[in-house]
Amino acid sequence: MNQEPSESLKKFAQNVYDKLDQNYNFDPFLIIAIVNITINIVKVIMYLYFTNNSKKIQQAIINMNNPVVKLIMRREIKKECPDLDREQRKDLYNSIVNAVHGYGESEFKDLVSSI
């Protein structure tokens, strides 16, 4: 059963997409991939930290202290975007981290609660 992504998830994906270099042409499949990557990353962090606390999840993504989270993010990006080269995947990774960093606590809480 496919479910329509929430508005906060769409907004986050657009924010990540906007943070990518201007070298990327508009690609709706990349936006869909960003949504899937975000959902999977948040679910894994919830599982790893046994929490639904959005502040802890946000900090886990921003700080990247946990090498497992780093590995999972890179794996999810590679899985969802197999046609991107290494440099493009690195750009996407950095865009996701920067987008999460730019979110306020309440915005990120809305994002996590929508997943």
Protein backbone atom coordinates (compact mmCIF):
# COMPACT_ATOMS: atom_id res chain seq x y z
CA MET A 1 0.00 0.00 0.00
CA ASN A 2 1.64 3.22 -1.17
CA GLN A 3 0.87 6.25 0.88
CA GLU A 4 1.20 9.87 -0.17
CA PRO A 5 4.12 11.57 1.68
CA SER A 6 3.13 14.26 4.15
CA GLU A 7 3.56 17.94 3.36
CA SER A 8 6.43 18.26 5.85
CA LEU A 9 8.24 15.37 4.15
CA LYS A 10 7.70 16.92 0.71
CA LYS A 11 8.98 20.26 2.03
CA PHE A 12 12.07 18.60 3.50
CA ALA A 13 12.81 16.77 0.23
CA GLN A 14 12.47 20.02 -1.70
CA ASN A 15 14.77 21.73 0.81
CA VAL A 16 17.42 19.01 0.32
CA TYR A 17 17.00 19.24 -3.44
CA ASP A 18 17.40 23.03 -3.34
CA LYS A 19 20.66 22.68 -1.39
CA LEU A 20 22.20 20.56 -4.14
CA ASP A 21 24.45 22.32 -6.62
CA GLN A 22 22.83 23.98 -9.59
CA ASN A 23 24.51 21.33 -11.79
CA TYR A 24 21.53 19.03 -11.24
CA ASN A 25 18.60 19.31 -13.61
CA PHE A 26 15.11 18.97 -12.18
CA ASP A 27 14.54 15.29 -11.59
CA PRO A 28 11.33 14.15 -9.90
CA PHE A 29 12.84 10.71 -9.32
CA LEU A 30 15.64 12.29 -7.28
CA ILE A 31 13.05 14.03 -5.10
CA ILE A 32 11.23 10.71 -4.60
CA ALA A 33 14.58 9.11 -3.72
CA ILE A 34 15.25 11.87 -1.16
CA VAL A 35 11.88 11.16 0.45
CA ASN A 36 12.65 7.42 0.63
CA ILE A 37 16.15 8.06 1.98
CA THR A 38 14.78 10.38 4.67
CA ILE A 39 12.11 7.89 5.75
CA ASN A 40 14.59 5.03 5.96
CA ILE A 41 17.21 7.05 7.84
CA VAL A 42 14.72 8.29 10.44
CA LYS A 43 13.31 4.78 10.92
CA VAL A 44 16.78 3.32 11.43
CA ILE A 45 17.75 6.02 13.93
CA MET A 46 14.49 5.40 15.81
CA TYR A 47 15.41 1.73 15.93
CA LEU A 48 19.05 2.32 16.95
CA TYR A 49 18.25 4.80 19.71
CA PHE A 50 14.92 3.24 20.75
CA THR A 51 13.28 6.63 20.66
CA ASN A 52 10.73 8.75 18.86
CA ASN A 53 12.29 11.91 20.31
CA SER A 54 12.77 14.17 17.30
CA LYS A 55 15.52 16.19 18.98
CA LYS A 56 17.67 13.07 19.51
CA ILE A 57 17.05 11.93 15.94
CA GLN A 58 17.98 15.36 14.59
CA GLN A 59 21.16 15.44 16.67
CA ALA A 60 22.12 11.95 15.49
CA ILE A 61 21.92 13.08 11.87
CA ILE A 62 23.67 16.41 12.40
CA ASN A 63 26.53 15.22 14.63
CA MET A 64 27.20 11.96 12.85
CA ASN A 65 28.96 10.67 15.95
CA ASN A 66 27.68 7.20 15.25
CA PRO A 67 29.54 5.53 12.38
CA VAL A 68 26.57 3.19 11.93
CA VAL A 69 24.31 6.15 11.10
CA LYS A 70 26.89 7.42 8.59
CA LEU A 71 27.13 4.02 6.99
CA ILE A 72 23.37 3.64 6.80
CA MET A 73 22.92 7.09 5.26
CA ARG A 74 25.52 6.35 2.60
CA ARG A 75 24.04 2.92 1.93
CA GLU A 76 20.52 4.32 1.58
CA ILE A 77 21.72 7.01 -0.82
CA LYS A 78 23.57 4.46 -2.91
CA LYS A 79 20.56 2.11 -2.90
CA GLU A 80 18.03 4.80 -3.85
CA CYS A 81 20.25 6.59 -6.39
CA PRO A 82 22.34 3.93 -8.15
CA ASP A 83 22.84 6.12 -11.22
CA LEU A 84 24.64 8.88 -9.28
CA ASP A 85 28.41 8.85 -9.23
CA ARG A 86 30.43 9.08 -6.03
CA GLU A 87 30.71 12.88 -6.07
CA GLN A 88 26.98 13.32 -6.64
CA ARG A 89 26.15 10.92 -3.80
CA LYS A 90 28.50 12.91 -1.54
CA ASP A 91 26.68 16.12 -2.54
CA LEU A 92 23.34 14.52 -1.72
CA TYR A 93 24.65 13.27 1.64
CA ASN A 94 25.89 16.77 2.54
CA SER A 95 22.62 18.32 1.38
CA ILE A 96 20.61 16.05 3.66
CA VAL A 97 22.82 16.86 6.65
CA ASN A 98 22.66 20.60 5.88
CA ALA A 99 18.88 20.51 5.48
CA VAL A 100 18.48 18.75 8.83
CA HIS A 101 20.87 21.23 10.43
CA GLY A 102 18.81 24.15 9.10
CA TYR A 103 15.56 22.83 10.53
CA GLY A 104 14.21 24.09 13.80
CA GLU A 105 13.15 21.66 16.49
CA SER A 106 9.42 22.04 15.80
CA GLU A 107 9.85 21.63 12.03
CA PHE A 108 11.88 18.48 12.49
CA LYS A 109 9.37 17.18 15.03
CA ASP A 110 6.64 17.55 12.40
CA LEU A 111 8.82 15.71 9.91
CA VAL A 112 9.52 12.81 12.27
CA SER A 113 5.90 12.53 13.36
CA SER A 114 4.84 12.27 9.71
CA ILE A 115 7.03 9.22 9.15
